[in-house]
């Protein structure tokens, strides 16, 4: 293979992987619903509860229940754990891949959310929220066996969501809002310059300078950002004062990421590779015209119910569906003439089913608990080290303390039991095949302060 061809093929693969990772990070396992500590304590079963200003996100129609002006501020700490165990990973040449297991790729991430709402009249209410609806940070140890497929994956999003709600009558309220979302992505992985050198120049040109497979690694990093826009809709139906039904829809948001690619090259790189423009720092742009590209964050539909079953006990349930099944493949075309990169995805629609109970100890103290089953859109045969996702079960606990009639402090904790999963992922042309098992789980701790004026 000619050096320029090998370099061009690698660059296409790198950028495609970066774009995929930026959005597979938004899968069920790394989409973020931690907009309220009370919701965390109820395993996100309480979308119809509408008890504070975070209903801006969960169901904007719920604003008509609040009255007056409200503010809520939440900070959630999310700690995913992803531990890999190698069971026979192979290099691009078919030899055993050298390296360790990568340590724990998960890390703590802080997820803030702030909401404000106010009543304009007996029928109209408005609100606005700022939150982080999607995010991921995974980072493996340098030198691990999957380094040519992933080192660091860091996705941050910030959304601004103004909403308007209208009470049609005593039983029915509707709400709608628009969303502006900023996404910032950083993805990196190692480059096996030894294998590229031998494959393109031959062993005679590479061995004397020490460029052997898996011995001379560089690093490629892609960074990009983008603004995207969408909307959300909500309906809240309260046939009695103790019973509420909610329905919420959030539209997809498309992100076309643009930024730059930077390359760290090992010293002594043979002249033909060192002269290749492919491994010099450059803009990294990708624009997809496909109607259902993986750069679209999925739309979702939630149906929920809330019931005060006694003076002390309340029960709630929620079913949330996310549309992933259209993502059969990701095809990226490059204006510079590089060959298209096509990655099969074959994702599936996902459903999260939640149920919860609250117990009102007194006017000052309420206890929460919840369970959920949350599907992953990632099929086993398409799992990647950037998103080693699998189905999970939620178990959560929480409490609300009201020091006064106008103030409330919430704490919520959830542990996610993630199903053990396996991976067998090939990354041509020089990424090798990662073969092994993952042991994953997630811990979430959320605190919130709410105030009514």
Protein backbone atom coordinates (compact mmCIF):
# COMPACT_ATOMS: atom_id res chain seq x y z
CA UNK A 1 0.00 0.00 0.00
CA UNK A 2 1.36 3.45 -0.90
CA UNK A 3 2.09 5.69 2.12
CA UNK A 4 -0.40 8.33 1.03
CA UNK A 5 -3.11 5.68 0.54
CA UNK A 6 -2.44 4.13 3.95
CA UNK A 7 -2.46 7.53 5.59
CA UNK A 8 -5.63 8.60 3.76
CA UNK A 9 -7.43 5.41 4.72
CA UNK A 10 -6.42 5.84 8.35
CA UNK A 11 -7.58 9.45 8.43
CA UNK A 12 -10.98 8.53 7.03
CA UNK A 13 -11.28 5.80 9.65
CA UNK A 14 -10.23 8.17 12.44
CA UNK A 15 -12.72 10.91 11.58
CA UNK A 16 -15.53 8.41 11.10
CA UNK A 17 -14.80 6.86 14.48
CA UNK A 18 -14.77 10.30 16.10
CA UNK A 19 -18.16 11.17 14.68
CA UNK A 20 -19.67 7.82 15.61
CA UNK A 21 -18.32 8.03 19.15
CA UNK A 22 -19.65 11.52 19.55
CA UNK A 23 -23.12 10.14 19.10
CA UNK A 24 -22.97 6.60 20.34
CA UNK A 25 -22.10 8.34 23.55
CA UNK A 26 -25.67 9.52 23.39
CA UNK A 27 -27.04 6.03 23.54
CA UNK A 28 -29.35 4.80 26.30
CA UNK A 29 -26.41 4.18 28.60
CA UNK A 30 -25.07 7.73 28.29
CA UNK A 31 -28.13 9.82 27.65
CA UNK A 32 -28.66 11.91 30.77
CA UNK A 33 -32.02 12.31 32.51
CA UNK A 34 -30.54 13.57 35.79
CA UNK A 35 -32.31 16.93 35.69
CA UNK A 36 -33.81 16.55 39.17
CA UNK A 37 -32.67 14.86 42.37
CA UNK A 38 -36.27 13.84 43.04
CA UNK A 39 -36.43 12.13 39.65
CA UNK A 40 -33.17 10.27 40.36
CA UNK A 41 -34.61 9.03 43.67
CA UNK A 42 -37.65 7.71 41.79
CA UNK A 43 -35.68 6.06 38.91
CA UNK A 44 -37.21 8.70 36.60
CA UNK A 45 -40.73 7.36 37.11
CA UNK A 46 -42.21 10.70 38.16
CA UNK A 47 -42.59 12.65 34.92
CA UNK A 48 -46.23 13.38 35.78
CA UNK A 49 -45.50 14.52 39.35
CA UNK A 50 -44.78 18.15 38.34
CA UNK A 51 -43.69 19.15 41.84
CA UNK A 52 -40.96 21.69 41.02
CA UNK A 53 -39.55 23.77 38.16
CA UNK A 54 -37.66 20.79 36.65
CA UNK A 55 -40.96 19.87 34.99
CA UNK A 56 -39.70 22.28 32.28
CA UNK A 57 -37.65 19.30 31.09
CA UNK A 58 -39.80 16.32 32.07
CA UNK A 59 -43.21 17.69 31.02
CA UNK A 60 -43.66 21.43 30.31
CA UNK A 61 -47.44 21.16 30.77
CA UNK A 62 -46.77 20.59 34.48
CA UNK A 63 -45.87 24.27 34.93
CA UNK A 64 -49.56 25.13 35.31
CA UNK A 65 -49.65 23.15 38.57
CA UNK A 66 -46.91 25.11 40.31
CA UNK A 67 -48.28 28.62 40.73
CA UNK A 68 -46.24 31.71 41.57
CA UNK A 69 -42.55 31.69 40.72
CA UNK A 70 -40.20 28.76 41.29
CA UNK A 71 -36.50 28.04 40.93
CA UNK A 72 -34.71 24.70 41.13
CA UNK A 73 -30.97 24.00 40.96
CA UNK A 74 -29.59 20.47 40.70
CA UNK A 75 -26.09 19.02 40.68
CA UNK A 76 -25.62 15.33 39.87
CA UNK A 77 -22.42 13.34 40.10
CA UNK A 78 -22.40 10.41 37.68
CA UNK A 79 -19.76 7.71 37.97
CA UNK A 80 -19.82 5.04 35.24
CA UNK A 81 -17.39 2.15 35.64
CA UNK A 82 -16.16 0.22 32.60
CA UNK A 83 -13.54 -2.47 33.24
CA UNK A 84 -12.25 -4.50 30.29
CA UNK A 85 -10.72 -7.99 30.38
CA UNK A 86 -8.73 -9.08 27.33
CA UNK A 87 -9.51 -12.57 26.01
CA UNK A 88 -7.43 -12.69 22.83
CA UNK A 89 -7.26 -9.31 21.08
CA UNK A 90 -5.36 -9.32 17.80
CA UNK A 91 -3.27 -6.76 15.93
CA UNK A 92 -3.92 -5.78 12.31
CA UNK A 93 -1.35 -8.44 11.34
CA UNK A 94 -3.16 -11.19 13.26
CA UNK A 95 -0.63 -11.39 16.08
CA UNK A 96 -1.56 -11.03 19.78
CA UNK A 97 -2.16 -7.42 20.74
CA UNK A 98 0.27 -6.15 23.38
CA UNK A 99 -0.93 -4.05 26.28
CA UNK A 100 -2.95 -4.04 29.48
CA UNK A 101 -6.68 -4.02 30.15
CA UNK A 102 -6.96 -0.23 30.29
CA UNK A 103 -7.93 0.24 33.93
CA UNK A 104 -11.36 1.65 34.73
CA UNK A 105 -12.41 3.73 31.73
CA UNK A 106 -15.17 5.46 33.67
CA UNK A 107 -14.79 8.65 35.65
CA UNK A 108 -16.88 11.08 37.69
CA UNK A 109 -18.79 13.70 35.73
CA UNK A 110 -20.72 16.65 37.16
CA UNK A 111 -24.10 17.30 35.53
CA UNK A 112 -25.77 20.61 36.50
CA UNK A 113 -29.31 21.77 35.80
CA UNK A 114 -31.11 25.05 36.64
CA UNK A 115 -34.80 25.88 36.09
CA UNK A 116 -37.07 28.87 36.59
CA UNK A 117 -40.83 29.13 36.16
CA UNK A 118 -43.52 31.71 36.79
CA UNK A 119 -47.26 32.05 36.34
CA UNK A 120 -48.43 34.78 33.98
CA UNK A 121 -52.10 34.29 34.80
CA UNK A 122 -54.48 31.61 36.02
CA UNK A 123 -54.05 29.82 32.68
CA UNK A 124 -50.60 30.73 31.32
CA UNK A 125 -47.16 29.84 32.73
CA UNK A 126 -43.64 30.14 31.34
CA UNK A 127 -40.34 28.59 32.27
CA UNK A 128 -36.78 28.13 31.14
CA UNK A 129 -34.18 25.49 31.85
CA UNK A 130 -30.46 25.05 31.32
CA UNK A 131 -29.27 21.46 31.48
CA UNK A 132 -26.91 18.82 30.09
CA UNK A 133 -29.10 16.19 28.40
CA UNK A 134 -26.28 14.09 26.92
CA UNK A 135 -22.72 13.38 28.01
CA UNK A 136 -19.90 10.91 28.34
CA UNK A 137 -16.36 10.68 29.56
CA UNK A 138 -14.37 7.48 29.21
CA UNK A 139 -10.60 7.30 29.25
CA UNK A 140 -8.38 4.22 29.08
CA UNK A 141 -4.81 3.86 30.28
CA UNK A 142 -2.10 4.56 27.71
CA UNK A 143 -0.80 1.37 26.15
CA UNK A 144 -3.93 -0.74 26.66
CA UNK A 145 -4.81 -3.42 24.10
CA UNK A 146 -7.59 -1.33 22.56
CA UNK A 147 -5.56 1.88 22.24
CA UNK A 148 -5.81 1.85 18.43
CA UNK A 149 -9.60 2.02 18.73
CA UNK A 150 -10.09 4.38 21.68
CA UNK A 151 -8.17 6.30 24.34
CA UNK A 152 -10.34 9.21 25.44
CA UNK A 153 -13.98 10.01 24.64
CA UNK A 154 -15.30 13.24 26.12
CA UNK A 155 -18.70 14.62 25.14
CA UNK A 156 -20.32 17.64 26.79
CA UNK A 157 -23.67 19.18 25.92
CA UNK A 158 -25.48 22.24 27.25
CA UNK A 159 -29.12 22.87 26.40
CA UNK A 160 -31.27 25.98 26.83
CA UNK A 161 -35.00 25.21 26.87
CA UNK A 162 -37.64 27.99 27.21
CA UNK A 163 -41.22 26.64 27.46
CA UNK A 164 -44.80 27.92 27.56
CA UNK A 165 -47.73 26.12 29.26
CA UNK A 166 -51.49 26.66 29.05
CA UNK A 167 -54.25 25.32 31.32
CA UNK A 168 -57.13 24.47 29.01
CA UNK A 169 -59.48 23.59 31.88
CA UNK A 170 -59.28 22.13 35.38
CA UNK A 171 -58.26 18.73 33.99
CA UNK A 172 -56.06 19.36 30.93
CA UNK A 173 -52.86 21.38 30.46
CA UNK A 174 -50.55 21.55 27.47
CA UNK A 175 -46.99 22.81 27.08
CA UNK A 176 -44.38 23.40 24.39
CA UNK A 177 -40.82 24.60 24.21
CA UNK A 178 -37.81 25.05 21.95
CA UNK A 179 -34.28 23.79 22.59
CA UNK A 180 -30.90 25.18 21.61
CA UNK A 181 -28.13 22.71 22.35
CA UNK A 182 -24.36 23.09 22.20
CA UNK A 183 -22.20 19.98 21.85
CA UNK A 184 -18.43 19.77 22.38
CA UNK A 185 -16.56 16.58 21.52
CA UNK A 186 -13.01 15.32 22.06
CA UNK A 187 -11.99 11.86 20.86
CA UNK A 188 -8.54 10.33 20.74
CA UNK A 189 -6.87 7.05 19.92
CA UNK A 190 -3.36 5.77 19.31
CA UNK A 191 -1.85 5.32 15.84
CA UNK A 192 0.28 2.24 15.16
CA UNK A 193 2.96 3.93 13.05
CA UNK A 194 5.01 0.73 13.17
CA UNK A 195 2.35 -1.26 11.33
CA UNK A 196 1.66 1.62 8.93
CA UNK A 197 5.37 1.88 8.14
CA UNK A 198 5.89 -1.83 7.51
CA UNK A 199 2.68 -2.11 5.51
CA UNK A 200 3.41 0.86 3.27
CA UNK A 201 7.23 1.04 3.02
CA UNK A 202 8.24 -2.53 3.79
CA UNK A 203 10.27 -4.00 6.64
CA UNK A 204 13.62 -3.10 5.05
CA UNK A 205 12.81 0.60 5.29
CA UNK A 206 11.31 0.49 8.77
CA UNK A 207 13.14 -2.09 10.89
CA UNK A 208 16.52 -0.28 10.92
CA UNK A 209 14.88 2.82 12.41
CA UNK A 210 12.97 0.77 14.98
CA UNK A 211 9.53 1.12 13.42
CA UNK A 212 8.01 -2.28 14.13
CA UNK A 213 4.32 -3.09 14.68
CA UNK A 214 3.03 -1.97 18.12
CA UNK A 215 6.34 -0.33 19.06
CA UNK A 216 6.02 3.22 17.70
CA UNK A 217 2.70 4.77 18.64
CA UNK A 218 1.41 8.24 17.96
CA UNK A 219 -1.88 9.81 19.04
CA UNK A 220 -4.66 11.32 16.95
CA UNK A 221 -7.16 13.67 18.58
CA UNK A 222 -10.30 15.07 17.02
CA UNK A 223 -12.07 18.02 18.64
CA UNK A 224 -15.24 19.64 17.39
CA UNK A 225 -18.39 21.48 18.38
CA UNK A 226 -21.77 22.51 17.04
CA UNK A 227 -25.14 24.07 17.89
CA UNK A 228 -28.34 22.10 17.22
CA UNK A 229 -32.02 22.89 17.68
CA UNK A 230 -35.22 21.04 18.54
CA UNK A 231 -38.44 21.24 20.55
CA UNK A 232 -40.44 19.49 23.27
CA UNK A 233 -44.18 19.04 23.83
CA UNK A 234 -46.20 17.94 26.84
CA UNK A 235 -49.74 17.11 27.93
CA UNK A 236 -50.89 16.65 31.53
CA UNK A 237 -54.34 15.26 32.31
CA UNK A 238 -55.68 15.29 35.88
CA UNK A 239 -59.14 13.65 36.01
CA UNK A 240 -59.08 13.97 39.82
CA UNK A 241 -56.97 15.88 42.33
CA UNK A 242 -55.11 12.66 43.21
CA UNK A 243 -54.44 11.27 39.72
CA UNK A 244 -52.40 12.60 36.79
CA UNK A 245 -51.43 11.24 33.38
CA UNK A 246 -48.58 12.75 31.37
CA UNK A 247 -47.35 12.47 27.80
CA UNK A 248 -44.09 14.11 26.66
CA UNK A 249 -42.31 14.25 23.30
CA UNK A 250 -38.80 15.54 22.67
CA UNK A 251 -37.68 16.01 19.08
CA UNK A 252 -34.39 14.89 17.61
CA UNK A 253 -31.55 17.40 17.47
CA UNK A 254 -29.04 17.26 14.64
CA UNK A 255 -25.37 18.08 15.22
CA UNK A 256 -22.93 18.49 12.34
CA UNK A 257 -19.62 18.50 14.16
CA UNK A 258 -16.71 20.53 12.81
CA UNK A 259 -13.33 21.24 14.36
CA UNK A 260 -9.75 20.06 13.98
CA UNK A 261 -7.64 16.92 13.98
CA UNK A 262 -4.20 16.97 15.64
CA UNK A 263 -1.50 14.33 15.40
CA UNK A 264 1.35 13.44 17.74
CA UNK A 265 4.00 11.63 15.69
CA UNK A 266 6.91 9.59 17.11
CA UNK A 267 10.43 10.89 16.60
CA UNK A 268 12.39 9.42 13.72
CA UNK A 269 9.36 8.78 11.50
CA UNK A 270 10.65 7.69 8.06
CA UNK A 271 10.67 10.55 5.56
CA UNK A 272 7.87 9.29 3.25
CA UNK A 273 5.46 9.09 6.19
CA UNK A 274 6.74 12.28 7.80
CA UNK A 275 6.10 14.12 4.52
CA UNK A 276 2.54 12.80 4.21
CA UNK A 277 0.01 15.63 4.65
CA UNK A 278 -2.37 13.17 6.28
CA UNK A 279 -0.55 13.25 9.62
CA UNK A 280 -0.28 17.02 9.87
CA UNK A 281 -2.72 19.07 11.96
CA UNK A 282 -5.76 20.00 9.93
CA UNK A 283 -9.41 20.98 10.02
CA UNK A 284 -11.74 18.03 10.51
CA UNK A 285 -15.14 18.66 8.98
CA UNK A 286 -17.99 16.31 8.23
CA UNK A 287 -21.44 17.24 7.02
CA UNK A 288 -24.04 14.56 6.52
CA UNK A 289 -27.01 15.00 4.23
CA UNK A 290 -28.60 11.70 5.23
CA UNK A 291 -32.03 12.19 6.81
CA UNK A 292 -31.36 9.61 9.50
CA UNK A 293 -27.67 9.98 10.23
CA UNK A 294 -26.22 9.06 13.62
CA UNK A 295 -25.51 12.73 14.15
CA UNK A 296 -29.20 13.09 14.99
CA UNK A 297 -29.89 12.79 18.69
CA UNK A 298 -32.97 10.57 18.87
CA UNK A 299 -36.49 11.75 19.47
CA UNK A 300 -38.23 10.29 22.52
CA UNK A 301 -41.76 9.74 23.81
CA UNK A 302 -42.67 9.30 27.48
CA UNK A 303 -45.98 8.24 29.04
CA UNK A 304 -46.36 8.52 32.80
CA UNK A 305 -48.89 8.26 35.60
CA UNK A 306 -48.88 9.67 39.15
CA UNK A 307 -51.36 8.79 41.93
CA UNK A 308 -51.73 9.82 45.58
CA UNK A 309 -53.03 6.48 46.86
CA UNK A 310 -53.38 7.72 50.47
CA UNK A 311 -52.44 10.72 52.58
CA UNK A 312 -48.92 9.32 52.99
CA UNK A 313 -48.29 7.12 49.96
CA UNK A 314 -47.98 8.06 46.29
CA UNK A 315 -47.16 5.78 43.35
CA UNK A 316 -45.89 6.56 39.88
CA UNK A 317 -44.74 4.84 36.68
CA UNK A 318 -43.18 5.87 33.41
CA UNK A 319 -42.43 4.31 30.01
CA UNK A 320 -39.92 6.16 27.81
CA UNK A 321 -39.23 5.15 24.21
CA UNK A 322 -36.30 6.38 22.11
CA UNK A 323 -36.14 6.01 18.34
CA UNK A 324 -32.82 4.44 17.31
CA UNK A 325 -33.89 1.82 14.77
CA UNK A 326 -33.42 4.10 11.75
CA UNK A 327 -29.68 4.05 12.30
CA UNK A 328 -28.81 1.10 10.10
CA UNK A 329 -25.51 2.54 8.92
CA UNK A 330 -23.38 5.66 9.07
CA UNK A 331 -22.06 6.80 5.70
CA UNK A 332 -19.63 9.72 5.61
CA UNK A 333 -18.67 11.34 2.30
CA UNK A 334 -15.66 13.63 2.10
CA UNK A 335 -15.40 16.62 -0.23
CA UNK A 336 -11.63 16.16 -0.58
CA UNK A 337 -12.05 12.97 -2.58
CA UNK A 338 -11.21 10.53 0.22
CA UNK A 339 -13.23 7.31 0.01
CA UNK A 340 -16.54 7.17 1.85
CA UNK A 341 -16.52 5.57 5.28
CA UNK A 342 -19.43 3.21 5.90
CA UNK A 343 -20.02 1.78 9.36
CA UNK A 344 -22.95 -0.61 9.97
CA UNK A 345 -24.87 0.26 13.15
CA UNK A 346 -28.16 -1.68 13.11
CA UNK A 347 -29.31 -0.06 16.33
CA UNK A 348 -32.67 -0.82 17.89
CA UNK A 349 -35.38 1.28 19.49
CA UNK A 350 -35.12 1.32 23.28
CA UNK A 351 -37.61 1.40 26.13
CA UNK A 352 -37.10 2.33 29.77
CA UNK A 353 -39.79 1.18 32.21
CA UNK A 354 -39.81 2.76 35.69
CA UNK A 355 -41.94 2.45 38.83
CA UNK A 356 -41.64 4.24 42.18
CA UNK A 357 -43.22 4.89 45.56
CA UNK A 358 -43.03 7.94 47.82
CA UNK A 359 -43.83 7.99 51.54
CA UNK A 360 -44.71 11.26 53.26
CA UNK A 361 -43.34 10.94 56.80
CA UNK A 362 -44.46 14.46 57.73
CA UNK A 363 -44.97 17.85 56.15
CA UNK A 364 -41.21 18.29 56.34
CA UNK A 365 -39.94 14.89 55.17
CA UNK A 366 -40.71 12.65 52.18
CA UNK A 367 -38.92 9.40 51.29
CA UNK A 368 -38.53 8.08 47.75
CA UNK A 369 -37.68 4.76 46.11
CA UNK A 370 -37.77 3.41 42.57
CA UNK A 371 -36.77 0.66 40.15
CA UNK A 372 -36.35 0.62 36.38
CA UNK A 373 -35.30 -1.52 33.46
CA UNK A 374 -33.39 0.41 30.78
CA UNK A 375 -32.57 -1.08 27.39
CA UNK A 376 -29.41 -0.27 25.44
CA UNK A 377 -29.67 0.43 21.69
CA UNK A 378 -26.30 -1.25 21.12
CA UNK A 379 -26.46 -4.80 19.82
CA UNK A 380 -23.74 -7.14 21.05
CA UNK A 381 -22.13 -7.51 17.62
CA UNK A 382 -21.79 -3.73 17.18
CA UNK A 383 -20.41 -2.78 20.61
CA UNK A 384 -17.37 -0.44 20.66
CA UNK A 385 -14.84 0.42 23.40
CA UNK A 386 -16.02 4.04 23.35
CA UNK A 387 -19.53 2.95 24.36
CA UNK A 388 -19.37 -0.54 25.94
CA UNK A 389 -23.08 -0.32 26.71
CA UNK A 390 -25.58 -3.01 27.71
CA UNK A 391 -29.01 -3.32 29.32
CA UNK A 392 -29.23 -2.12 32.89
CA UNK A 393 -31.49 -2.27 35.97
CA UNK A 394 -32.00 0.71 38.26
CA UNK A 395 -32.39 0.74 42.03
CA UNK A 396 -32.79 4.19 43.59
CA UNK A 397 -33.50 5.90 46.91
CA UNK A 398 -34.11 9.52 47.83
CA UNK A 399 -35.50 11.98 50.33
CA UNK A 400 -36.96 15.49 50.38
CA UNK A 401 -36.60 17.80 53.36
CA UNK A 402 -38.62 21.03 53.57
CA UNK A 403 -37.09 23.44 56.09
CA UNK A 404 -39.88 25.91 55.34
CA UNK A 405 -43.06 26.22 53.33
CA UNK A 406 -41.16 27.80 50.45
CA UNK A 407 -37.95 25.75 50.36
CA UNK A 408 -37.12 22.12 49.65
CA UNK A 409 -33.87 20.12 49.58
CA UNK A 410 -33.79 16.83 47.66
CA UNK A 411 -31.20 14.08 47.61
CA UNK A 412 -31.32 11.12 45.24
CA UNK A 413 -29.06 8.10 44.74
CA UNK A 414 -29.23 5.41 42.08
CA UNK A 415 -27.15 2.33 41.33
CA UNK A 416 -27.35 0.89 37.83
CA UNK A 417 -26.63 -2.82 37.50
CA UNK A 418 -25.28 -3.14 33.95
CA UNK A 419 -25.35 -6.55 32.29
CA UNK A 420 -21.91 -8.04 31.66
CA UNK A 421 -21.08 -7.76 27.97
CA UNK A 422 -18.54 -8.94 25.44
CA UNK A 423 -16.84 -7.22 22.53
CA UNK A 424 -15.35 -8.47 19.28
CA UNK A 425 -14.64 -5.30 17.32
CA UNK A 426 -12.37 -5.03 14.28
CA UNK A 427 -11.10 -1.59 13.29
CA UNK A 428 -9.49 -1.61 9.84
CA UNK A 429 -7.05 -0.78 8.50
CA UNK A 430 -4.62 -0.78 11.45
CA UNK A 431 -6.79 -0.83 14.58
CA UNK A 432 -6.72 -4.60 15.04
CA UNK A 433 -9.52 -6.60 16.68
CA UNK A 434 -10.49 -6.00 20.29
CA UNK A 435 -11.75 -9.19 21.94
CA UNK A 436 -12.80 -9.38 25.56
CA UNK A 437 -15.42 -8.80 28.23
CA UNK A 438 -16.71 -5.73 30.08
CA UNK A 439 -17.79 -5.43 33.70
CA UNK A 440 -19.81 -2.22 33.98
CA UNK A 441 -21.95 -0.36 36.51
CA UNK A 442 -23.04 3.23 37.20
CA UNK A 443 -23.54 5.23 40.41
CA UNK A 444 -25.47 8.50 40.51
CA UNK A 445 -25.71 10.97 43.39
CA UNK A 446 -27.89 14.04 42.97
CA UNK A 447 -28.71 17.03 45.22
CA UNK A 448 -31.22 19.80 44.56
CA UNK A 449 -32.51 23.00 46.10
CA UNK A 450 -35.93 24.38 45.15
CA UNK A 451 -37.57 27.62 46.23
CA UNK A 452 -41.05 29.07 45.70
CA UNK A 453 -41.59 32.84 45.68
